[in-house]
Amino acid sequence: MLDKEQQTVFYEALGEKIRDARKRKNLNQEDLAEKLGMSRVSIVNIETGKQRLPLHVLSDISEILNITLGELLPQVKAADSNNLDPAILNKIRKETEDSSNSSEKVMNYVLSLMKKNS
């Protein structure tokens, strides 16, 4: 599990990835907010890591920005400060490359991997 500091780093990195992908699509924060039915302030907070978005919103963002969930998810360090096993990260990336995967399926897959490796 990630401690609070690691969670903060995770959401900040996620926000940066969302911002970078948004800019590559030539969308401004208002455009993305409108497509998501959110306020521009929410997008600012997501991109700065201050707002922790639900999986369905992350899934919607990946669809709008035409990027896989795996490409959006930052690499994280486990609570013992070791990087996650590269084999696990590759499995997660493979599982999330297919845009037909629901965010619930992806989360269940990630949780099952975490249980196997704890």
C-alpha atoms as a PDB file:
ATOM      1  CA  MET A   1       0.000   0.000   0.000  1.00  0.00           C
ATOM      2  CA  LEU A   2       1.066   3.537  -0.613  1.00  0.00           C
ATOM      3  CA  ASP A   3       1.489   5.825   2.361  1.00  0.00           C
ATOM      4  CA  LYS A   4       0.059   9.373   2.261  1.00  0.00           C
ATOM      5  CA  GLU A   5       3.230  10.886   0.837  1.00  0.00           C
ATOM      6  CA  GLN A   6       3.409   8.260  -1.913  1.00  0.00           C
ATOM      7  CA  GLN A   7      -0.270   8.827  -2.706  1.00  0.00           C
ATOM      8  CA  THR A   8       0.408  12.545  -3.088  1.00  0.00           C
ATOM      9  CA  VAL A   9       3.309  11.845  -5.441  1.00  0.00           C
ATOM     10  CA  PHE A  10       1.139   9.374  -7.391  1.00  0.00           C
ATOM     11  CA  TYR A  11      -1.721  11.860  -7.922  1.00  0.00           C
ATOM     12  CA  GLU A  12       0.674  14.666  -8.837  1.00  0.00           C
ATOM     13  CA  ALA A  13       2.342  12.417 -11.441  1.00  0.00           C
ATOM     14  CA  LEU A  14      -1.068  11.312 -12.730  1.00  0.00           C
ATOM     15  CA  GLY A  15      -2.095  14.950 -13.067  1.00  0.00           C
ATOM     16  CA  GLU A  16       1.064  15.743 -15.023  1.00  0.00           C
ATOM     17  CA  LYS A  17       0.392  12.857 -17.398  1.00  0.00           C
ATOM     18  CA  ILE A  18      -3.186  14.063 -17.922  1.00  0.00           C
ATOM     19  CA  ARG A  19      -1.992  17.628 -18.534  1.00  0.00           C
ATOM     20  CA  ASP A  20       0.658  16.486 -21.023  1.00  0.00           C
ATOM     21  CA  ALA A  21      -1.823  14.284 -22.903  1.00  0.00           C
ATOM     22  CA  ARG A  22      -4.395  17.115 -22.939  1.00  0.00           C
ATOM     23  CA  LYS A  23      -1.850  19.506 -24.409  1.00  0.00           C
ATOM     24  CA  ARG A  24      -0.827  16.968 -27.071  1.00  0.00           C
ATOM     25  CA  LYS A  25      -4.500  16.852 -28.112  1.00  0.00           C
ATOM     26  CA  ASN A  26      -4.502  20.672 -28.281  1.00  0.00           C
ATOM     27  CA  LEU A  27      -7.263  20.915 -25.697  1.00  0.00           C
ATOM     28  CA  ASN A  28      -7.340  23.581 -23.041  1.00  0.00           C
ATOM     29  CA  GLN A  29      -8.613  22.915 -19.533  1.00  0.00           C
ATOM     30  CA  GLU A  30     -12.019  24.395 -20.343  1.00  0.00           C
ATOM     31  CA  ASP A  31     -12.449  22.084 -23.341  1.00  0.00           C
ATOM     32  CA  LEU A  32     -11.613  18.998 -21.304  1.00  0.00           C
ATOM     33  CA  ALA A  33     -13.854  20.151 -18.455  1.00  0.00           C
ATOM     34  CA  GLU A  34     -16.768  20.634 -20.839  1.00  0.00           C
ATOM     35  CA  LYS A  35     -16.328  17.176 -22.372  1.00  0.00           C
ATOM     36  CA  LEU A  36     -16.294  15.652 -18.872  1.00  0.00           C
ATOM     37  CA  GLY A  37     -19.172  17.757 -17.534  1.00  0.00           C
ATOM     38  CA  MET A  38     -16.873  19.259 -14.915  1.00  0.00           C
ATOM     39  CA  SER A  39     -15.639  22.712 -14.026  1.00  0.00           C
ATOM     40  CA  ARG A  40     -12.308  24.080 -15.209  1.00  0.00           C
ATOM     41  CA  VAL A  41     -11.288  24.335 -11.538  1.00  0.00           C
ATOM     42  CA  SER A  42     -11.758  20.561 -11.220  1.00  0.00           C
ATOM     43  CA  ILE A  43      -9.382  20.018 -14.152  1.00  0.00           C
ATOM     44  CA  VAL A  44      -6.839  22.367 -12.555  1.00  0.00           C
ATOM     45  CA  ASN A  45      -7.118  20.399  -9.300  1.00  0.00           C
ATOM     46  CA  ILE A  46      -6.805  17.043 -11.094  1.00  0.00           C
ATOM     47  CA  GLU A  47      -3.741  18.212 -13.020  1.00  0.00           C
ATOM     48  CA  THR A  48      -2.063  19.464  -9.851  1.00  0.00           C
ATOM     49  CA  GLY A  49      -2.880  16.299  -7.909  1.00  0.00           C
ATOM     50  CA  LYS A  50      -5.201  18.057  -5.469  1.00  0.00           C
ATOM     51  CA  GLN A  51      -8.337  16.243  -6.645  1.00  0.00           C
ATOM     52  CA  ARG A  52      -8.386  12.467  -6.596  1.00  0.00           C
ATOM     53  CA  LEU A  53     -10.566  11.383  -9.418  1.00  0.00           C
ATOM     54  CA  PRO A  54     -12.775   8.287  -9.507  1.00  0.00           C
ATOM     55  CA  LEU A  55     -11.848   5.499 -11.905  1.00  0.00           C
ATOM     56  CA  HIS A  56     -14.783   6.198 -14.212  1.00  0.00           C
ATOM     57  CA  VAL A  57     -13.557   9.778 -14.685  1.00  0.00           C
ATOM     58  CA  LEU A  58     -10.026   8.526 -15.361  1.00  0.00           C
ATOM     59  CA  SER A  59     -11.495   6.149 -17.932  1.00  0.00           C
ATOM     60  CA  ASP A  60     -13.440   9.013 -19.549  1.00  0.00           C
ATOM     61  CA  ILE A  61     -10.291  11.141 -19.662  1.00  0.00           C
ATOM     62  CA  SER A  62      -8.354   8.350 -21.353  1.00  0.00           C
ATOM     63  CA  GLU A  63     -11.080   8.026 -23.999  1.00  0.00           C
ATOM     64  CA  ILE A  64     -11.283  11.779 -24.639  1.00  0.00           C
ATOM     65  CA  LEU A  65      -7.507  12.101 -24.892  1.00  0.00           C
ATOM     66  CA  ASN A  66      -7.224   8.895 -26.924  1.00  0.00           C
ATOM     67  CA  ILE A  67      -4.669   7.400 -24.555  1.00  0.00           C
ATOM     68  CA  THR A  68      -4.776   4.108 -22.663  1.00  0.00           C
ATOM     69  CA  LEU A  69      -5.238   3.940 -18.925  1.00  0.00           C
ATOM     70  CA  GLY A  70      -1.856   2.260 -18.720  1.00  0.00           C
ATOM     71  CA  GLU A  71      -0.195   5.246 -20.365  1.00  0.00           C
ATOM     72  CA  LEU A  72      -1.823   7.594 -17.866  1.00  0.00           C
ATOM     73  CA  LEU A  73      -0.941   5.657 -14.736  1.00  0.00           C
ATOM     74  CA  PRO A  74       2.382   6.704 -13.261  1.00  0.00           C
ATOM     75  CA  GLN A  75       4.826   4.166 -11.956  1.00  0.00           C
ATOM     76  CA  VAL A  76       4.520   3.930  -8.204  1.00  0.00           C
ATOM     77  CA  LYS A  77       6.759   2.761  -5.419  1.00  0.00           C
ATOM     78  CA  ALA A  78       5.458   0.246  -2.966  1.00  0.00           C
ATOM     79  CA  ALA A  79       5.313   1.115   0.721  1.00  0.00           C
ATOM     80  CA  ASP A  80       8.698  -0.512   1.291  1.00  0.00           C
ATOM     81  CA  SER A  81      10.168   1.988  -1.225  1.00  0.00           C
ATOM     82  CA  ASN A  82      10.940  -0.712  -3.797  1.00  0.00           C
ATOM     83  CA  ASN A  83       9.662  -0.234  -7.318  1.00  0.00           C
ATOM     84  CA  LEU A  84       6.826  -2.473  -8.344  1.00  0.00           C
ATOM     85  CA  ASP A  85       8.003  -5.570 -10.135  1.00  0.00           C
ATOM     86  CA  PRO A  86       8.481  -4.679 -13.826  1.00  0.00           C
ATOM     87  CA  ALA A  87       6.637  -7.870 -14.780  1.00  0.00           C
ATOM     88  CA  ILE A  88       3.607  -6.661 -12.843  1.00  0.00           C
ATOM     89  CA  LEU A  89       3.773  -3.237 -14.494  1.00  0.00           C
ATOM     90  CA  ASN A  90       3.958  -4.893 -17.910  1.00  0.00           C
ATOM     91  CA  LYS A  91       0.924  -7.046 -17.090  1.00  0.00           C
ATOM     92  CA  ILE A  92      -0.983  -3.936 -16.018  1.00  0.00           C
ATOM     93  CA  ARG A  93       0.028  -2.098 -19.191  1.00  0.00           C
ATOM     94  CA  LYS A  94      -1.052  -5.040 -21.365  1.00  0.00           C
ATOM     95  CA  GLU A  95      -4.361  -5.283 -19.549  1.00  0.00           C
ATOM     96  CA  THR A  96      -5.039  -1.558 -19.989  1.00  0.00           C
ATOM     97  CA  GLU A  97      -3.931  -1.194 -23.623  1.00  0.00           C
ATOM     98  CA  ASP A  98      -7.274  -2.434 -24.924  1.00  0.00           C
ATOM     99  CA  SER A  99      -9.635   0.537 -24.619  1.00  0.00           C
ATOM    100  CA  SER A 100     -12.595  -1.860 -24.316  1.00  0.00           C
ATOM    101  CA  ASN A 101     -11.480  -2.731 -20.777  1.00  0.00           C
ATOM    102  CA  SER A 102     -13.660  -1.046 -18.200  1.00  0.00           C
ATOM    103  CA  SER A 103     -11.996   0.814 -15.373  1.00  0.00           C
ATOM    104  CA  GLU A 104     -13.603  -1.667 -12.958  1.00  0.00           C
ATOM    105  CA  LYS A 105     -11.948  -4.596 -14.751  1.00  0.00           C
ATOM    106  CA  VAL A 106      -8.586  -2.832 -14.702  1.00  0.00           C
ATOM    107  CA  MET A 107      -8.885  -2.004 -11.001  1.00  0.00           C
ATOM    108  CA  ASN A 108      -9.881  -5.585 -10.169  1.00  0.00           C
ATOM    109  CA  TYR A 109      -6.876  -6.825 -12.129  1.00  0.00           C
ATOM    110  CA  VAL A 110      -4.510  -4.463 -10.301  1.00  0.00           C
ATOM    111  CA  LEU A 111      -5.963  -5.460  -6.926  1.00  0.00           C
ATOM    112  CA  SER A 112      -5.595  -9.156  -7.749  1.00  0.00           C
ATOM    113  CA  LEU A 113      -1.939  -8.615  -8.646  1.00  0.00           C
ATOM    114  CA  MET A 114      -1.349  -6.727  -5.428  1.00  0.00           C
ATOM    115  CA  LYS A 115      -2.900  -9.552  -3.372  1.00  0.00           C
ATOM    116  CA  LYS A 116      -0.770 -12.181  -5.134  1.00  0.00           C
ATOM    117  CA  ASN A 117       2.397 -10.237  -4.403  1.00  0.00           C
ATOM    118  CA  SER A 118       1.805  -9.370  -0.769  1.00  0.00           C
END
